[in-house]
PDB file of N, CA and C in Angstrom:
ATOM      1  N   ASP A   1      -5.253  -0.728 -19.555  1.00  0.00           N
ATOM      2  CA  ASP A   1      -6.095  -1.889 -19.321  1.00  0.00           C
ATOM      3  C   ASP A   1      -6.009  -2.893 -20.475  1.00  0.00           C
ATOM      4  N   GLU A   2      -5.931  -2.390 -21.697  1.00  0.00           N
ATOM      5  CA  GLU A   2      -5.920  -3.304 -22.845  1.00  0.00           C
ATOM      6  C   GLU A   2      -4.702  -4.226 -22.837  1.00  0.00           C
ATOM      7  N   ASP A   3      -3.529  -3.690 -22.526  1.00  0.00           N
ATOM      8  CA  ASP A   3      -2.324  -4.530 -22.485  1.00  0.00           C
ATOM      9  C   ASP A   3      -2.422  -5.565 -21.376  1.00  0.00           C
ATOM     10  N   ALA A   4      -2.928  -5.165 -20.224  1.00  0.00           N
ATOM     11  CA  ALA A   4      -3.066  -6.101 -19.106  1.00  0.00           C
ATOM     12  C   ALA A   4      -4.048  -7.211 -19.458  1.00  0.00           C
ATOM     13  N   ILE A   5      -5.138  -6.875 -20.099  1.00  0.00           N
ATOM     14  CA  ILE A   5      -6.118  -7.887 -20.494  1.00  0.00           C
ATOM     15  C   ILE A   5      -5.519  -8.834 -21.528  1.00  0.00           C
ATOM     16  N   HIS A   6      -4.715  -8.310 -22.429  1.00  0.00           N
ATOM     17  CA  HIS A   6      -4.040  -9.173 -23.393  1.00  0.00           C
ATOM     18  C   HIS A   6      -3.127 -10.169 -22.676  1.00  0.00           C
ATOM     19  N   ASN A   7      -2.445  -9.720 -21.625  1.00  0.00           N
ATOM     20  CA  ASN A   7      -1.598 -10.631 -20.836  1.00  0.00           C
ATOM     21  C   ASN A   7      -2.426 -11.723 -20.173  1.00  0.00           C
ATOM     22  N   LEU A   8      -3.646 -11.393 -19.740  1.00  0.00           N
ATOM     23  CA  LEU A   8      -4.522 -12.413 -19.149  1.00  0.00           C
ATOM     24  C   LEU A   8      -4.828 -13.507 -20.161  1.00  0.00           C
ATOM     25  N   GLU A   9      -5.030 -13.116 -21.403  1.00  0.00           N
ATOM     26  CA  GLU A   9      -5.302 -14.084 -22.465  1.00  0.00           C
ATOM     27  C   GLU A   9      -4.164 -15.098 -22.596  1.00  0.00           C
ATOM     28  N   HIS A  10      -2.960 -14.671 -22.258  1.00  0.00           N
ATOM     29  CA  HIS A  10      -1.784 -15.537 -22.363  1.00  0.00           C
ATOM     30  C   HIS A  10      -1.419 -16.187 -21.037  1.00  0.00           C
ATOM     31  N   GLY A  11      -2.345 -16.194 -20.093  1.00  0.00           N
ATOM     32  CA  GLY A  11      -2.131 -16.918 -18.848  1.00  0.00           C
ATOM     33  C   GLY A  11      -1.580 -16.096 -17.708  1.00  0.00           C
ATOM     34  N   GLY A  12      -1.383 -14.816 -17.923  1.00  0.00           N
ATOM     35  CA  GLY A  12      -0.829 -13.964 -16.882  1.00  0.00           C
ATOM     36  C   GLY A  12      -1.848 -13.584 -15.822  1.00  0.00           C
ATOM     37  N   ILE A  13      -1.345 -12.957 -14.779  1.00  0.00           N
ATOM     38  CA  ILE A  13      -2.148 -12.464 -13.668  1.00  0.00           C
ATOM     39  C   ILE A  13      -1.930 -10.957 -13.596  1.00  0.00           C
ATOM     40  N   TRP A  14      -3.012 -10.207 -13.398  1.00  0.00           N
ATOM     41  CA  TRP A  14      -2.932  -8.756 -13.275  1.00  0.00           C
ATOM     42  C   TRP A  14      -3.407  -8.357 -11.889  1.00  0.00           C
ATOM     43  N   ILE A  15      -2.527  -7.706 -11.155  1.00  0.00           N
ATOM     44  CA  ILE A  15      -2.883  -7.155  -9.853  1.00  0.00           C
ATOM     45  C   ILE A  15      -2.953  -5.645 -10.016  1.00  0.00           C
ATOM     46  N   SER A  16      -4.130  -5.088  -9.800  1.00  0.00           N
ATOM     47  CA  SER A  16      -4.295  -3.637  -9.862  1.00  0.00           C
ATOM     48  C   SER A  16      -4.713  -3.140  -8.480  1.00  0.00           C
ATOM     49  N   TYR A  17      -4.406  -1.876  -8.208  1.00  0.00           N
ATOM     50  CA  TYR A  17      -4.667  -1.350  -6.874  1.00  0.00           C
ATOM     51  C   TYR A  17      -4.975   0.140  -6.922  1.00  0.00           C
ATOM     52  N   LYS A  18      -5.582   0.618  -5.835  1.00  0.00           N
ATOM     53  CA  LYS A  18      -5.779   2.056  -5.647  1.00  0.00           C
ATOM     54  C   LYS A  18      -5.798   2.343  -4.150  1.00  0.00           C
ATOM     55  N   ASP A  19      -5.373   3.534  -3.805  1.00  0.00           N
ATOM     56  CA  ASP A  19      -5.425   4.015  -2.421  1.00  0.00           C
ATOM     57  C   ASP A  19      -4.730   3.096  -1.425  1.00  0.00           C
ATOM     58  N   LEU A  20      -3.530   2.633  -1.755  1.00  0.00           N
ATOM     59  CA  LEU A  20      -2.761   1.785  -0.842  1.00  0.00           C
ATOM     60  C   LEU A  20      -1.577   2.552  -0.271  1.00  0.00           C
ATOM     61  N   ASP A  21      -1.148   2.142   0.918  1.00  0.00           N
ATOM     62  CA  ASP A  21       0.061   2.704   1.507  1.00  0.00           C
ATOM     63  C   ASP A  21       1.290   2.097   0.822  1.00  0.00           C
ATOM     64  N   GLN A  22       2.430   2.723   1.014  1.00  0.00           N
ATOM     65  CA  GLN A  22       3.652   2.303   0.326  1.00  0.00           C
ATOM     66  C   GLN A  22       4.062   0.879   0.684  1.00  0.00           C
ATOM     67  N   GLN A  23       3.893   0.473   1.929  1.00  0.00           N
ATOM     68  CA  GLN A  23       4.260  -0.889   2.321  1.00  0.00           C
ATOM     69  C   GLN A  23       3.426  -1.919   1.554  1.00  0.00           C
ATOM     70  N   SER A  24       2.141  -1.658   1.383  1.00  0.00           N
ATOM     71  CA  SER A  24       1.285  -2.568   0.628  1.00  0.00           C
ATOM     72  C   SER A  24       1.688  -2.618  -0.844  1.00  0.00           C
ATOM     73  N   ILE A  25       1.997  -1.471  -1.412  1.00  0.00           N
ATOM     74  CA  ILE A  25       2.462  -1.426  -2.807  1.00  0.00           C
ATOM     75  C   ILE A  25       3.763  -2.208  -2.950  1.00  0.00           C
ATOM     76  N   ASP A  26       4.670  -2.052  -1.994  1.00  0.00           N
ATOM     77  CA  ASP A  26       5.934  -2.788  -2.028  1.00  0.00           C
ATOM     78  C   ASP A  26       5.697  -4.294  -1.963  1.00  0.00           C
ATOM     79  N   THR A  27       4.722  -4.724  -1.174  1.00  0.00           N
ATOM     80  CA  THR A  27       4.396  -6.152  -1.099  1.00  0.00           C
ATOM     81  C   THR A  27       3.891  -6.651  -2.449  1.00  0.00           C
ATOM     82  N   LEU A  28       3.030  -5.872  -3.104  1.00  0.00           N
ATOM     83  CA  LEU A  28       2.552  -6.265  -4.436  1.00  0.00           C
ATOM     84  C   LEU A  28       3.699  -6.333  -5.437  1.00  0.00           C
ATOM     85  N   ARG A  29       4.605  -5.392  -5.356  1.00  0.00           N
ATOM     86  CA  ARG A  29       5.763  -5.402  -6.259  1.00  0.00           C
ATOM     87  C   ARG A  29       6.653  -6.625  -6.005  1.00  0.00           C
ATOM     88  N   GLU A  30       6.762  -7.034  -4.744  1.00  0.00           N
ATOM     89  CA  GLU A  30       7.538  -8.239  -4.427  1.00  0.00           C
ATOM     90  C   GLU A  30       6.857  -9.477  -5.006  1.00  0.00           C
ATOM     91  N   ILE A  31       5.544  -9.537  -4.917  1.00  0.00           N
ATOM     92  CA  ILE A  31       4.807 -10.652  -5.529  1.00  0.00           C
ATOM     93  C   ILE A  31       5.082 -10.685  -7.031  1.00  0.00           C
ATOM     94  N   ALA A  32       5.062  -9.526  -7.671  1.00  0.00           N
ATOM     95  CA  ALA A  32       5.354  -9.469  -9.110  1.00  0.00           C
ATOM     96  C   ALA A  32       6.792  -9.877  -9.395  1.00  0.00           C
ATOM     97  N   ARG A  33       7.726  -9.472  -8.532  1.00  0.00           N
ATOM     98  CA  ARG A  33       9.135  -9.806  -8.747  1.00  0.00           C
ATOM     99  C   ARG A  33       9.360 -11.319  -8.703  1.00  0.00           C
ATOM    100  N   VAL A  34       8.767 -11.996  -7.722  1.00  0.00           N
ATOM    101  CA  VAL A  34       8.979 -13.443  -7.621  1.00  0.00           C
ATOM    102  C   VAL A  34       8.179 -14.221  -8.665  1.00  0.00           C
ATOM    103  N   ASN A  35       7.269 -13.545  -9.342  1.00  0.00           N
ATOM    104  CA  ASN A  35       6.486 -14.140 -10.436  1.00  0.00           C
ATOM    105  C   ASN A  35       6.671 -13.302 -11.693  1.00  0.00           C
ATOM    106  N   SER A  36       7.908 -12.929 -11.970  1.00  0.00           N
ATOM    107  CA  SER A  36       8.193 -11.905 -12.971  1.00  0.00           C
ATOM    108  C   SER A  36       7.767 -12.243 -14.393  1.00  0.00           C
ATOM    109  N   PHE A  37       7.558 -13.489 -14.707  1.00  0.00           N
ATOM    110  CA  PHE A  37       7.148 -13.849 -16.067  1.00  0.00           C
ATOM    111  C   PHE A  37       5.643 -14.092 -16.181  1.00  0.00           C
ATOM    112  N   SER A  38       4.906 -13.773 -15.100  1.00  0.00           N
ATOM    113  CA  SER A  38       3.471 -14.037 -15.170  1.00  0.00           C
ATOM    114  C   SER A  38       2.591 -12.993 -14.481  1.00  0.00           C
ATOM    115  N   VAL A  39       3.150 -12.094 -13.674  1.00  0.00           N
ATOM    116  CA  VAL A  39       2.331 -11.148 -12.910  1.00  0.00           C
ATOM    117  C   VAL A  39       2.682  -9.709 -13.265  1.00  0.00           C
ATOM    118  N   THR A  40       1.640  -8.920 -13.496  1.00  0.00           N
ATOM    119  CA  THR A  40       1.754  -7.487 -13.732  1.00  0.00           C
ATOM    120  C   THR A  40       1.061  -6.766 -12.591  1.00  0.00           C
ATOM    121  N   VAL A  41       1.684  -5.706 -12.086  1.00  0.00           N
ATOM    122  CA  VAL A  41       1.088  -4.889 -11.024  1.00  0.00           C
ATOM    123  C   VAL A  41       1.001  -3.456 -11.514  1.00  0.00           C
ATOM    124  N   SER A  42      -0.173  -2.842 -11.312  1.00  0.00           N
ATOM    125  CA  SER A  42      -0.325  -1.452 -11.732  1.00  0.00           C
ATOM    126  C   SER A  42      -1.390  -0.742 -10.905  1.00  0.00           C
ATOM    127  N   PRO A  43      -1.205   0.579 -10.719  1.00  0.00           N
ATOM    128  CA  PRO A  43      -2.270   1.356 -10.089  1.00  0.00           C
ATOM    129  C   PRO A  43      -3.437   1.470 -11.056  1.00  0.00           C
ATOM    130  N   ARG A  44      -4.655   1.554 -10.499  1.00  0.00           N
ATOM    131  CA  ARG A  44      -5.837   1.665 -11.370  1.00  0.00           C
ATOM    132  C   ARG A  44      -6.955   2.357 -10.594  1.00  0.00           C
ATOM    133  N   ASP A  45      -7.196   3.599 -10.906  1.00  0.00           N
ATOM    134  CA  ASP A  45      -8.217   4.384 -10.220  1.00  0.00           C
ATOM    135  C   ASP A  45      -9.628   3.839 -10.426  1.00  0.00           C
ATOM    136  N   ALA A  46      -9.857   3.081 -11.485  1.00  0.00           N
ATOM    137  CA  ALA A  46     -11.197   2.565 -11.782  1.00  0.00           C
ATOM    138  C   ALA A  46     -11.589   1.367 -10.909  1.00  0.00           C
ATOM    139  N   ASN A  47     -10.658   0.825 -10.134  1.00  0.00           N
ATOM    140  CA  ASN A  47     -11.005  -0.303  -9.258  1.00  0.00           C
ATOM    141  C   ASN A  47     -12.119   0.092  -8.300  1.00  0.00           C
ATOM    142  N   ASP A  48     -12.994  -0.854  -7.969  1.00  0.00           N
ATOM    143  CA  ASP A  48     -14.007  -0.592  -6.951  1.00  0.00           C
ATOM    144  C   ASP A  48     -13.608  -1.177  -5.590  1.00  0.00           C
ATOM    145  N   ASN A  49     -12.450  -1.806  -5.528  1.00  0.00           N
ATOM    146  CA  ASN A  49     -11.834  -2.260  -4.284  1.00  0.00           C
ATOM    147  C   ASN A  49     -10.390  -1.794  -4.288  1.00  0.00           C
ATOM    148  N   LYS A  50      -9.726  -1.891  -3.156  1.00  0.00           N
ATOM    149  CA  LYS A  50      -8.334  -1.439  -3.090  1.00  0.00           C
ATOM    150  C   LYS A  50      -7.404  -2.326  -3.915  1.00  0.00           C
ATOM    151  N   VAL A  51      -7.706  -3.626  -3.966  1.00  0.00           N
ATOM    152  CA  VAL A  51      -6.868  -4.563  -4.717  1.00  0.00           C
ATOM    153  C   VAL A  51      -7.761  -5.474  -5.552  1.00  0.00           C
ATOM    154  N   ALA A  52      -7.398  -5.654  -6.809  1.00  0.00           N
ATOM    155  CA  ALA A  52      -8.077  -6.612  -7.678  1.00  0.00           C
ATOM    156  C   ALA A  52      -7.017  -7.522  -8.281  1.00  0.00           C
ATOM    157  N   VAL A  53      -7.228  -8.820  -8.161  1.00  0.00           N
ATOM    158  CA  VAL A  53      -6.311  -9.810  -8.724  1.00  0.00           C
ATOM    159  C   VAL A  53      -7.096 -10.565  -9.788  1.00  0.00           C
ATOM    160  N   ALA A  54      -6.643 -10.456 -11.035  1.00  0.00           N
ATOM    161  CA  ALA A  54      -7.396 -11.012 -12.150  1.00  0.00           C
ATOM    162  C   ALA A  54      -6.584 -12.019 -12.945  1.00  0.00           C
ATOM    163  N   SER A  55      -7.271 -13.042 -13.401  1.00  0.00           N
ATOM    164  CA  SER A  55      -6.748 -13.965 -14.406  1.00  0.00           C
ATOM    165  C   SER A  55      -7.856 -14.097 -15.441  1.00  0.00           C
ATOM    166  N   TRP A  56      -7.642 -14.904 -16.461  1.00  0.00           N
ATOM    167  CA  TRP A  56      -8.648 -15.052 -17.509  1.00  0.00           C
ATOM    168  C   TRP A  56      -9.926 -15.632 -16.899  1.00  0.00           C
ATOM    169  N   GLY A  57     -10.985 -14.838 -16.833  1.00  0.00           N
ATOM    170  CA  GLY A  57     -12.272 -15.303 -16.344  1.00  0.00           C
ATOM    171  C   GLY A  57     -12.425 -15.375 -14.842  1.00  0.00           C
ATOM    172  N   ARG A  58     -11.443 -14.910 -14.088  1.00  0.00           N
ATOM    173  CA  ARG A  58     -11.499 -14.969 -12.630  1.00  0.00           C
ATOM    174  C   ARG A  58     -11.056 -13.640 -12.035  1.00  0.00           C
ATOM    175  N   LEU A  59     -11.684 -13.269 -10.910  1.00  0.00           N
ATOM    176  CA  LEU A  59     -11.351 -12.005 -10.259  1.00  0.00           C
ATOM    177  C   LEU A  59     -11.487 -12.159  -8.756  1.00  0.00           C
ATOM    178  N   MET A  60     -10.461 -11.723  -8.034  1.00  0.00           N
ATOM    179  CA  MET A  60     -10.507 -11.691  -6.577  1.00  0.00           C
ATOM    180  C   MET A  60     -10.350 -10.240  -6.152  1.00  0.00           C
ATOM    181  N   LYS A  61     -11.304  -9.744  -5.359  1.00  0.00           N
ATOM    182  CA  LYS A  61     -11.249  -8.378  -4.868  1.00  0.00           C
ATOM    183  C   LYS A  61     -10.899  -8.395  -3.389  1.00  0.00           C
ATOM    184  N   LEU A  62      -9.995  -7.493  -3.005  1.00  0.00           N
ATOM    185  CA  LEU A  62      -9.539  -7.408  -1.620  1.00  0.00           C
ATOM    186  C   LEU A  62      -9.525  -5.965  -1.155  1.00  0.00           C
ATOM    187  N   GLU A  63      -9.687  -5.755   0.126  1.00  0.00           N
ATOM    188  CA  GLU A  63      -9.568  -4.419   0.711  1.00  0.00           C
ATOM    189  C   GLU A  63      -8.191  -4.184   1.306  1.00  0.00           C
ATOM    190  N   THR A  64      -7.414  -5.258   1.468  1.00  0.00           N
ATOM    191  CA  THR A  64      -6.028  -5.164   1.948  1.00  0.00           C
ATOM    192  C   THR A  64      -5.188  -6.143   1.143  1.00  0.00           C
ATOM    193  N   VAL A  65      -3.896  -5.953   1.197  1.00  0.00           N
ATOM    194  CA  VAL A  65      -2.984  -6.878   0.519  1.00  0.00           C
ATOM    195  C   VAL A  65      -2.818  -8.111   1.411  1.00  0.00           C
ATOM    196  N   ASP A  66      -3.262  -9.245   0.916  1.00  0.00           N
ATOM    197  CA  ASP A  66      -3.139 -10.521   1.615  1.00  0.00           C
ATOM    198  C   ASP A  66      -2.177 -11.392   0.812  1.00  0.00           C
ATOM    199  N   PHE A  67      -0.913 -11.375   1.203  1.00  0.00           N
ATOM    200  CA  PHE A  67       0.147 -12.058   0.461  1.00  0.00           C
ATOM    201  C   PHE A  67      -0.223 -13.515   0.167  1.00  0.00           C
ATOM    202  N   ASP A  68      -0.623 -14.257   1.188  1.00  0.00           N
ATOM    203  CA  ASP A  68      -0.899 -15.686   1.004  1.00  0.00           C
ATOM    204  C   ASP A  68      -2.065 -15.928   0.050  1.00  0.00           C
ATOM    205  N   SER A  69      -3.128 -15.146   0.176  1.00  0.00           N
ATOM    206  CA  SER A  69      -4.281 -15.323  -0.714  1.00  0.00           C
ATOM    207  C   SER A  69      -3.929 -15.000  -2.164  1.00  0.00           C
ATOM    208  N   ILE A  70      -3.140 -13.945  -2.342  1.00  0.00           N
ATOM    209  CA  ILE A  70      -2.737 -13.572  -3.695  1.00  0.00           C
ATOM    210  C   ILE A  70      -1.841 -14.643  -4.308  1.00  0.00           C
ATOM    211  N   MET A  71      -0.882 -15.139  -3.541  1.00  0.00           N
ATOM    212  CA  MET A  71       0.001 -16.186  -4.061  1.00  0.00           C
ATOM    213  C   MET A  71      -0.786 -17.452  -4.399  1.00  0.00           C
ATOM    214  N   GLU A  72      -1.777 -17.797  -3.600  1.00  0.00           N
ATOM    215  CA  GLU A  72      -2.611 -18.965  -3.879  1.00  0.00           C
ATOM    216  C   GLU A  72      -3.434 -18.747  -5.150  1.00  0.00           C
ATOM    217  N   PHE A  73      -3.973 -17.542  -5.337  1.00  0.00           N
ATOM    218  CA  PHE A  73      -4.707 -17.218  -6.559  1.00  0.00           C
ATOM    219  C   PHE A  73      -3.801 -17.396  -7.769  1.00  0.00           C
ATOM    220  N   ILE A  74      -2.579 -16.899  -7.690  1.00  0.00           N
ATOM    221  CA  ILE A  74      -1.631 -17.041  -8.795  1.00  0.00           C
ATOM    222  C   ILE A  74      -1.370 -18.515  -9.083  1.00  0.00           C
ATOM    223  N   ARG A  75      -1.110 -19.275  -8.030  1.00  0.00           N
ATOM    224  CA  ARG A  75      -0.816 -20.705  -8.196  1.00  0.00           C
ATOM    225  C   ARG A  75      -1.982 -21.435  -8.880  1.00  0.00           C
ATOM    226  N   LYS A  76      -3.189 -21.117  -8.478  1.00  0.00           N
ATOM    227  CA  LYS A  76      -4.362 -21.826  -9.009  1.00  0.00           C
ATOM    228  C   LYS A  76      -4.789 -21.362 -10.398  1.00  0.00           C
ATOM    229  N   ASN A  77      -4.488 -20.114 -10.757  1.00  0.00           N
ATOM    230  CA  ASN A  77      -5.088 -19.535 -11.962  1.00  0.00           C
ATOM    231  C   ASN A  77      -4.125 -19.174 -13.081  1.00  0.00           C
ATOM    232  N   LYS A  78      -2.836 -19.190 -12.828  1.00  0.00           N
ATOM    233  CA  LYS A  78      -1.876 -18.884 -13.888  1.00  0.00           C
ATOM    234  C   LYS A  78      -2.004 -19.922 -15.007  1.00  0.00           C
ATOM    235  N   ASN A  79      -2.037 -19.442 -16.234  1.00  0.00           N
ATOM    236  CA  ASN A  79      -2.109 -20.283 -17.441  1.00  0.00           C
ATOM    237  C   ASN A  79      -3.435 -20.997 -17.628  1.00  0.00           C
ATOM    238  N   LYS A  80      -4.475 -20.564 -16.959  1.00  0.00           N
ATOM    239  CA  LYS A  80      -5.828 -21.085 -17.219  1.00  0.00           C
ATOM    240  C   LYS A  80      -6.488 -20.086 -18.162  1.00  0.00           C
ATOM    241  N   SER A  81      -6.081 -20.157 -19.418  1.00  0.00           N
ATOM    242  CA  SER A  81      -6.481 -19.156 -20.402  1.00  0.00           C
ATOM    243  C   SER A  81      -6.473 -19.754 -21.802  1.00  0.00           C
ATOM    244  N   PRO A  82      -6.985 -19.005 -22.797  1.00  0.00           N
ATOM    245  CA  PRO A  82      -7.016 -19.526 -24.173  1.00  0.00           C
ATOM    246  C   PRO A  82      -5.641 -19.812 -24.761  1.00  0.00           C
ATOM    247  N   GLU A  83      -4.638 -18.993 -24.425  1.00  0.00           N
ATOM    248  CA  GLU A  83      -3.295 -19.144 -25.006  1.00  0.00           C
ATOM    249  C   GLU A  83      -2.256 -19.134 -23.880  1.00  0.00           C
ATOM    250  N   PRO A  84      -2.162 -20.215 -23.099  1.00  0.00           N
ATOM    251  CA  PRO A  84      -1.291 -20.210 -21.923  1.00  0.00           C
ATOM    252  C   PRO A  84       0.204 -20.270 -22.259  1.00  0.00           C
ATOM    253  N   ILE A  85       0.895 -19.172 -21.970  1.00  0.00           N
ATOM    254  CA  ILE A  85       2.354 -19.154 -22.180  1.00  0.00           C
ATOM    255  C   ILE A  85       3.099 -18.512 -21.017  1.00  0.00           C
ATOM    256  N   ALA A  86       2.405 -18.150 -19.937  1.00  0.00           N
ATOM    257  CA  ALA A  86       3.057 -17.515 -18.783  1.00  0.00           C
ATOM    258  C   ALA A  86       3.976 -18.521 -18.099  1.00  0.00           C
ATOM    259  N   ARG A  87       5.097 -17.983 -17.547  1.00  0.00           N
ATOM    260  CA  ARG A  87       6.019 -18.865 -16.813  1.00  0.00           C
ATOM    261  C   ARG A  87       5.998 -18.560 -15.349  1.00  0.00           C
TER     262      ARG A  87
END
């Protein structure tokens, strides 16, 4: 968690998940691949929802992987942080 939070400080986006099927995990990994310099994806048992998408000071919780909503969150929130350097 500490490394992911540090990435948020630099404008990154952290997508964490729990209890997802493989297809949903693959979709999250594809989102990270196309945003490879700004998005981190990791499993996280401490989540209280199946998917959490975080940026500095913002959090979106989802029960399913919604590709369009996640991509819009990334577009709106990437680099809105104290030290924005994400690409």
